[in-house]
Protein backbone atom coordinates (compact mmCIF):
# COMPACT_ATOMS: atom_id res chain seq x y z
CA MET A 1 -0.74 23.21 6.29
CA GLN A 2 -0.83 24.66 9.79
CA ARG A 3 -4.53 23.85 10.09
CA LEU A 4 -3.85 20.24 9.06
CA ALA A 5 -0.96 19.94 11.51
CA SER A 6 -3.10 21.25 14.36
CA SER A 7 -5.91 18.86 13.48
CA PHE A 8 -3.51 15.97 13.34
CA LEU A 9 -1.90 16.82 16.68
CA SER A 10 -5.31 16.73 18.30
CA LEU A 11 -6.12 13.43 16.59
CA LEU A 12 -3.36 11.29 18.08
CA LEU A 13 -0.96 11.48 20.97
CA PRO A 14 2.60 12.08 19.77
CA ILE A 15 4.56 8.86 19.71
CA SER A 16 7.92 10.18 18.50
CA LEU A 17 10.60 10.58 21.13
CA CYS A 18 11.58 14.21 21.71
CA GLY A 19 15.32 14.72 21.40
CA GLN A 20 16.08 11.09 22.23
CA SER A 21 17.47 8.17 20.32
CA LEU A 22 15.06 5.51 19.12
CA THR A 23 15.87 1.82 19.37
CA ILE A 24 14.03 -0.88 17.44
CA ALA A 25 15.10 -4.52 17.51
CA GLY A 26 18.52 -3.56 18.85
CA THR A 27 19.14 -0.85 16.23
CA SER A 28 19.42 2.70 17.56
CA ALA A 29 19.16 6.03 15.75
CA VAL A 30 20.14 9.23 17.54
CA PRO A 31 18.47 12.51 16.57
CA GLY A 32 19.60 13.71 13.16
CA SER A 33 20.72 10.27 11.96
CA THR A 34 19.66 7.26 9.88
CA ALA A 35 20.22 3.70 11.12
CA TYR A 36 19.79 0.42 9.26
CA GLY A 37 18.65 -2.78 11.01
CA ARG A 38 16.79 -6.04 10.64
CA PHE A 39 14.04 -7.91 12.41
CA ASP A 40 15.15 -11.48 13.06
CA VAL A 41 12.16 -13.83 12.92
CA ALA A 42 12.93 -17.08 14.72
CA ALA A 43 12.04 -20.47 13.29
CA GLY A 44 8.76 -21.97 14.38
CA SER A 45 6.63 -24.48 12.53
CA ASP A 46 8.67 -23.46 9.48
CA SER A 47 11.95 -21.68 8.72
CA ALA A 48 13.40 -18.53 10.24
CA THR A 49 13.69 -15.31 8.23
CA TRP A 50 14.63 -11.68 8.65
CA VAL A 51 13.19 -8.36 7.48
CA PRO A 52 15.22 -5.20 6.73
CA PHE A 53 14.25 -1.78 8.10
CA ALA A 54 15.63 1.72 8.50
CA ILE A 55 15.04 4.37 11.17
CA ILE A 56 15.30 8.01 10.10
CA GLN A 57 15.33 9.93 13.38
CA GLY A 58 14.75 13.63 12.92
CA SER A 59 16.67 16.32 14.71
CA LYS A 60 13.41 17.79 16.03
CA PRO A 61 10.37 16.14 17.66
CA GLY A 62 7.33 15.28 15.57
CA LYS A 63 5.14 12.48 14.35
CA THR A 64 6.14 8.93 13.47
CA VAL A 65 5.47 7.73 9.94
CA ALA A 66 5.85 4.10 8.89
CA VAL A 67 6.50 3.22 5.25
CA LEU A 68 5.73 -0.41 4.40
CA SER A 69 6.58 -2.11 1.12
CA GLY A 70 7.25 -5.52 -0.35
CA ALA A 71 4.36 -7.39 1.23
CA HIS A 72 4.20 -8.81 -2.28
CA GLY A 73 7.83 -9.46 -3.11
CA THR A 74 7.52 -9.09 -6.89
CA GLU A 75 5.97 -5.62 -6.72
CA TYR A 76 9.39 -4.24 -7.48
CA ALA A 77 8.70 -0.55 -8.16
CA SER A 78 7.34 0.02 -4.66
CA ILE A 79 10.24 -1.89 -3.09
CA ILE A 80 12.82 0.17 -4.99
CA ALA A 81 10.97 3.39 -4.14
CA ALA A 82 11.01 2.55 -0.42
CA GLN A 83 14.74 1.78 -0.59
CA GLN A 84 15.58 4.93 -2.54
CA VAL A 85 13.53 7.29 -0.38
CA ILE A 86 15.63 6.48 2.70
CA PRO A 87 18.68 8.55 1.65
CA ARG A 88 16.39 11.26 0.23
CA ILE A 89 15.07 12.08 3.71
CA ASP A 90 17.66 14.24 5.46
CA PRO A 91 17.37 13.45 9.18
CA THR A 92 18.96 16.78 10.12
CA LYS A 93 16.01 18.54 8.45
CA LEU A 94 13.32 16.12 9.61
CA SER A 95 10.88 16.66 12.45
CA GLY A 96 9.81 13.34 13.91
CA THR A 97 10.64 9.82 12.82
CA VAL A 98 10.26 7.77 9.64
CA ILE A 99 10.49 3.97 9.86
CA VAL A 100 10.91 2.31 6.46
CA VAL A 101 10.40 -1.42 5.92
CA PRO A 102 11.23 -1.82 2.22
CA LEU A 103 10.86 -5.61 1.82
CA ILE A 104 8.50 -7.46 4.12
CA ASN A 105 8.20 -10.65 2.07
CA ARG A 106 11.79 -11.70 1.34
CA ALA A 107 10.88 -15.25 0.33
CA SER A 108 8.51 -13.95 -2.35
CA PHE A 109 11.22 -11.61 -3.65
CA GLU A 110 14.00 -14.19 -3.65
CA ARG A 111 11.92 -16.93 -5.28
CA MET A 112 9.93 -14.59 -7.56
CA ARG A 113 6.63 -15.87 -6.16
CA VAL A 114 3.65 -13.70 -7.03
CA HIS A 115 1.21 -12.56 -4.30
CA THR A 116 2.05 -14.98 -1.46
CA ASN A 117 4.88 -16.16 0.76
CA PRO A 118 6.10 -19.45 -0.77
CA VAL A 119 7.13 -20.77 2.65
CA ASP A 120 3.54 -21.09 3.91
CA GLU A 121 1.45 -19.94 0.91
CA LYS A 122 -0.10 -17.07 2.89
CA SER A 123 -0.56 -13.40 2.05
CA MET A 124 1.68 -10.94 3.85
CA ASN A 125 -0.94 -8.25 3.43
CA GLY A 126 -3.94 -10.22 4.59
CA GLY A 127 -3.15 -11.63 8.01
CA TYR A 128 -2.65 -8.73 10.44
CA PRO A 129 -1.99 -8.53 13.34
CA GLY A 130 -0.19 -11.82 12.82
CA LYS A 131 0.63 -14.40 15.45
CA ALA A 132 3.89 -14.88 17.35
CA THR A 133 3.43 -18.67 17.39
CA GLY A 134 2.08 -18.99 13.85
CA THR A 135 3.65 -19.77 10.49
CA GLN A 136 6.37 -17.59 8.99
CA THR A 137 3.94 -15.07 7.48
CA GLU A 138 2.08 -14.74 10.78
CA ARG A 139 5.31 -14.33 12.74
CA VAL A 140 6.57 -11.62 10.38
CA LEU A 141 3.28 -9.72 10.55
CA ASP A 142 3.28 -9.99 14.34
CA ILE A 143 6.65 -8.21 14.44
CA ILE A 144 5.59 -5.54 11.92
CA ALA A 145 2.39 -4.93 13.90
CA ARG A 146 4.16 -4.62 17.27
CA GLU A 147 7.43 -2.95 16.31
CA VAL A 148 6.36 -0.68 13.44
CA ILE A 149 2.62 -0.06 13.14
CA ALA A 150 2.15 0.28 16.90
CA ARG A 151 4.75 3.08 16.99
CA ALA A 152 3.33 5.01 14.02
CA ASP A 153 0.87 7.84 13.74
CA VAL A 154 0.66 7.47 9.95
CA VAL A 155 1.14 4.28 7.91
CA ILE A 156 2.00 4.54 4.20
CA ASP A 157 1.50 1.20 2.45
CA LEU A 158 3.18 1.02 -0.99
CA HIS A 159 2.23 -1.34 -3.81
CA ASN A 160 2.26 -1.59 -7.60
CA GLY A 161 1.04 -3.90 -10.33
CA ASP A 162 2.54 -7.37 -9.95
CA ILE A 163 3.89 -9.64 -12.71
CA ASP A 164 0.36 -10.51 -13.84
CA GLU A 165 -1.19 -7.08 -13.26
CA ASN A 166 -1.63 -4.32 -15.80
CA LEU A 167 -2.62 -1.77 -13.17
CA ARG A 168 -3.52 1.89 -13.36
CA SER A 169 -1.73 3.99 -10.72
CA TYR A 170 -3.91 5.28 -7.89
CA SER A 171 -4.15 5.94 -4.17
CA TYR A 172 -6.83 4.75 -1.77
CA TRP A 173 -8.72 7.18 0.42
CA THR A 174 -10.00 4.65 2.94
CA ARG A 175 -12.55 6.21 5.27
CA THR A 176 -13.63 5.01 8.69
CA GLY A 177 -16.40 7.53 9.33
CA LYS A 178 -14.27 9.34 11.90
CA ALA A 179 -14.09 12.83 10.45
CA SER A 180 -10.79 13.93 11.97
CA GLN A 181 -9.05 10.73 10.85
CA ASP A 182 -10.60 10.79 7.37
CA SER A 183 -9.81 14.46 6.71
CA VAL A 184 -6.10 13.97 7.39
CA ALA A 185 -6.06 10.91 5.13
CA LEU A 186 -7.66 12.95 2.33
CA GLU A 187 -4.99 15.65 2.54
CA LEU A 188 -2.29 13.00 2.49
CA CYS A 189 -3.85 11.39 -0.60
CA ARG A 190 -3.67 14.77 -2.32
CA ALA A 191 -0.05 15.18 -1.20
CA MET A 192 0.77 11.71 -2.56
CA GLY A 193 0.29 13.20 -6.00
CA LEU A 194 -1.43 10.33 -7.86
CA ASP A 195 -4.32 11.80 -9.83
CA HIS A 196 -6.72 8.85 -9.46
CA VAL A 197 -8.04 8.14 -5.96
CA ILE A 198 -10.26 5.21 -5.02
CA VAL A 199 -12.75 6.07 -2.28
CA ARG A 200 -13.33 3.13 0.04
CA ASN A 201 -15.50 2.97 3.16
CA LEU A 202 -14.29 0.67 5.93
CA ASP A 203 -16.03 -0.73 8.98
CA VAL A 204 -13.20 -1.01 11.51
CA THR A 205 -15.44 -3.07 13.82
CA ASN A 206 -15.52 -5.86 11.22
CA PRO A 207 -12.44 -8.11 11.66
CA ALA A 208 -12.59 -9.13 7.99
CA SER A 209 -11.91 -5.51 7.03
CA THR A 210 -8.85 -5.09 9.23
CA ARG A 211 -6.58 -7.86 7.99
CA SER A 212 -4.55 -5.70 5.59
CA ALA A 213 -1.81 -3.36 6.80
CA SER A 214 -3.99 -0.32 6.13
CA GLY A 215 -7.18 -1.80 7.59
CA TYR A 216 -5.37 -2.94 10.72
CA SER A 217 -3.71 0.47 11.12
CA LEU A 218 -7.04 2.26 10.74
CA SER A 219 -8.62 0.01 13.35
CA LEU A 220 -5.97 1.22 15.81
CA GLY A 221 -6.82 4.87 15.12
CA LYS A 222 -3.84 5.49 12.85
CA VAL A 223 -4.06 7.37 9.56
CA ALA A 224 -3.32 5.07 6.62
CA VAL A 225 -2.72 5.75 2.93
CA VAL A 226 -2.24 3.06 0.25
CA ALA A 227 -0.53 4.04 -3.00
CA GLU A 228 0.01 1.92 -6.11
CA ALA A 229 2.14 3.02 -9.08
CA GLY A 230 3.43 0.80 -11.84
CA ARG A 231 2.47 -2.37 -13.71
CA TRP A 232 3.84 -5.76 -14.72
CA ALA A 233 6.38 -5.74 -11.84
CA ARG A 234 8.45 -3.27 -13.85
CA THR A 235 10.64 -0.62 -12.27
CA ASP A 236 9.93 2.22 -14.68
CA ALA A 237 11.66 5.35 -13.41
CA ALA A 238 8.49 7.45 -13.52
CA ASP A 239 6.56 5.02 -11.32
CA VAL A 240 9.38 4.61 -8.80
CA ARG A 241 9.82 8.38 -8.67
CA ALA A 242 6.07 8.95 -8.23
CA LEU A 243 6.06 6.78 -5.10
CA GLU A 244 9.24 8.37 -3.74
CA ASP A 245 7.94 11.89 -4.37
CA GLY A 246 4.62 10.94 -2.82
CA ILE A 247 6.27 9.90 0.43
CA VAL A 248 8.27 13.14 0.57
CA GLY A 249 5.11 15.09 -0.28
CA MET A 250 3.19 13.51 2.56
CA LEU A 251 6.01 14.25 5.01
CA GLY A 252 5.83 17.83 3.84
CA GLN A 253 2.07 17.92 4.29
CA LEU A 254 2.50 16.68 7.86
CA GLY A 255 4.99 19.47 8.57
CA MET A 256 7.85 17.00 9.03
CA LEU A 257 9.85 18.40 6.09
CA GLN A 258 9.94 21.79 4.43
CA ARG A 259 8.63 21.73 0.88
CA ALA A 260 7.51 24.11 -1.80
CA ARG A 261 3.75 24.54 -2.14
CA PRO A 262 2.67 21.96 -4.73
CA THR A 263 0.41 22.62 -7.70
CA PRO A 264 -3.15 21.69 -6.68
CA LEU A 265 -3.94 18.18 -7.86
CA ARG A 266 -6.97 17.55 -10.06
CA ILE A 267 -8.27 14.19 -8.91
CA THR A 268 -10.34 11.64 -10.78
CA TRP A 269 -12.45 10.03 -8.08
CA LEU A 270 -13.19 6.32 -8.29
CA GLY A 271 -15.79 4.45 -6.30
CA GLU A 272 -16.87 0.89 -5.72
CA ASP A 273 -15.16 -1.66 -7.92
CA SER A 274 -16.32 -4.94 -9.38
CA ARG A 275 -13.93 -7.84 -9.98
CA VAL A 276 -14.45 -10.10 -12.96
CA ARG A 277 -13.21 -13.61 -12.18
CA THR A 278 -12.95 -16.85 -14.09
CA ASP A 279 -14.65 -19.98 -12.75
CA SER A 280 -12.26 -22.45 -14.40
CA ASN A 281 -8.69 -22.86 -15.62
CA VAL A 282 -8.45 -21.02 -18.95
CA VAL A 283 -6.20 -19.12 -21.33
CA TRP A 284 -6.91 -15.38 -21.08
CA THR A 285 -6.59 -12.76 -23.82
CA PRO A 286 -7.22 -9.10 -22.82
CA LEU A 287 -8.69 -6.65 -25.33
CA VAL A 288 -8.55 -3.38 -23.36
CA ASP A 289 -5.76 -1.55 -21.56
CA ARG A 290 -5.51 -0.26 -18.00
CA GLY A 291 -7.29 3.07 -17.59
CA ALA A 292 -9.79 2.36 -20.38
CA ARG A 293 -13.28 3.69 -19.85
CA VAL A 294 -15.75 0.97 -20.68
CA ARG A 295 -19.50 0.47 -20.94
CA SER A 296 -21.54 -2.30 -19.40
CA GLY A 297 -21.47 -5.34 -21.68
CA GLN A 298 -18.32 -4.26 -23.52
CA ALA A 299 -15.83 -7.05 -24.19
CA LEU A 300 -12.81 -6.84 -21.90
CA GLY A 301 -11.18 -9.94 -23.37
CA TYR A 302 -11.95 -13.59 -23.99
CA THR A 303 -11.08 -17.02 -22.66
CA SER A 304 -9.83 -20.05 -24.58
CA ASP A 305 -9.13 -23.67 -23.77
CA TYR A 306 -5.66 -25.20 -23.80
CA TRP A 307 -5.99 -26.00 -27.52
CA GLY A 308 -6.56 -22.31 -28.23
CA ARG A 309 -10.26 -22.67 -28.99
CA LYS A 310 -12.30 -19.68 -27.85
CA ILE A 311 -14.66 -20.35 -24.96
CA SER A 312 -16.38 -17.01 -24.43
CA ASP A 313 -16.10 -13.24 -24.29
CA VAL A 314 -15.64 -11.64 -20.87
CA VAL A 315 -17.65 -8.43 -20.59
CA ALA A 316 -17.71 -5.42 -18.29
CA PRO A 317 -20.32 -5.82 -15.55
CA LYS A 318 -20.96 -2.06 -15.48
CA ASP A 319 -19.82 1.30 -16.81
CA GLY A 320 -16.55 2.49 -15.34
CA ILE A 321 -12.78 2.60 -15.63
CA VAL A 322 -10.44 -0.38 -15.87
CA THR A 323 -8.16 -0.07 -12.85
CA PHE A 324 -6.64 -3.51 -13.42
CA ILE A 325 -6.61 -6.06 -16.20
CA ARG A 326 -4.82 -9.39 -16.17
CA SER A 327 -1.79 -9.20 -18.42
CA VAL A 328 -0.73 -12.85 -18.68
CA PRO A 329 -2.52 -15.74 -20.44
CA SER A 330 -2.58 -18.08 -17.44
CA ALA A 331 -5.74 -17.86 -15.36
CA TRP A 332 -7.11 -20.38 -12.90
CA ALA A 333 -10.46 -20.82 -11.22
CA GLY A 334 -11.12 -17.74 -9.09
CA ALA A 335 -8.40 -15.60 -10.70
CA THR A 336 -9.27 -11.94 -11.28
CA LEU A 337 -9.34 -11.03 -14.97
CA ALA A 338 -10.27 -7.37 -14.60
CA THR A 339 -11.45 -4.80 -12.08
CA ILE A 340 -13.90 -2.06 -13.07
CA ALA A 341 -14.37 0.94 -10.76
CA ASP A 342 -17.18 3.50 -10.79
CA LEU A 343 -16.29 7.01 -11.94
CA LEU A 344 -17.52 9.61 -9.44
CA GLU A 345 -18.16 13.32 -9.87
CA ARG A 346 -17.18 13.72 -6.23
CA PRO A 347 -17.03 11.47 -3.16
CA ALA A 348 -20.32 10.99 -1.34
CA GLY A 349 -20.46 11.01 2.45
CA TRP A 350 -19.17 8.02 4.39
CA LYS A 351 -21.59 5.13 4.67
CA LYS A 352 -21.04 2.04 6.79
CA PRO A 353 -20.40 -0.87 4.42
C-alpha cells in the first residue's frame, strides 16, 4: 500500500486543501465534516435544473476522489450506493476529500427515462466536457467537469444494468499507455472487489474516446475507474453493497482510510467486446443469461415481427462471455441485443487503439 501511495503522490500534484475548509458552489465543509449541497444549473435554450452533491472533508490532508453516479437516471443500484456510501465515510478518520455526486441526470430519474436526458435527448455520459451555453445536458456536464472532475485526482464512475440490461457485474481497467497512471488504476480495480475486469485501451488524443466521464478524466491525467454492478435497474442489496464496499476499498487502497488487508481477488480478465445489434424494429427473445460462456455461431436469442412470427436467430459473433444481453422484448433499429467479450488468460501490454 505504501508503494502505491508513493507512486500516486508522484503521479499527480495534490489537489486537496490541507487543514482548510473546501467550498463548492457555495457549500463549505470544514475538516472532519460532511456537507450537502447542490449545483444550480440555470435555464438556457431549455429548462433549469439542479444536481445534488456532498463534500466529505477529511480531518487530514490527502487526495481528492470524485464519485459520480446517476448519469443514467434509471441505473438505481449505483445511485443508491453513492447515496449510502456518504454516511459510511467518517470524515474524522478520512485523509483527503471525497466529493460524491449521486444523481447527475435528475430528469431521467424523475421521468424514468432510460439512457438519456428526456429534456434534450442527450447522453449525460457521452458529452464531456459539456458546454456552458449548450442544452441542459451540456450545461450539467460543464459544471461537473469544472467543479468536480477538475478538482479530483481519482474519478470513480458508478453504473449498473439499466431497465433493459441483463448485465454481468464488472469493472473497467481503462489504460492510456502511461505506466504510472495505469498501474494505479489496476490496483484500484483490484480494490473495487468485482471479480470480472474488462481491459480497455484508450487513446486520450482522440476526442471521440474522451467524451465519457472516465475518458475525459483520463485525458486530464486523472486516474479513473468504472464499476458496474446489478441488472434490470434493480436495487438488490448485494449489488448496492458491492459498489459501496468497492468505494471504501479504493479509499483504503489510496491510504485515505484505514482498512483490513483484503483477501487477494482472483480476477477473470475480459478483453475486446463485440456488440450484436438489430437493423430493424423487432421483438427480441433472449436464450442465454448474463455471464454465459458461448461459442461462435451459438444462438443468443431470436427476433420476431409484431405478429409474433420468428424472423431469425441471432448468433454469437465469436467465442467469449456474455457481459450484457437485452432483457426486454422491445428492440429498435440499432439497439444492442448482446455484448460478447473475449476471455483472456492475462492482459496483454497496452496497444494504441
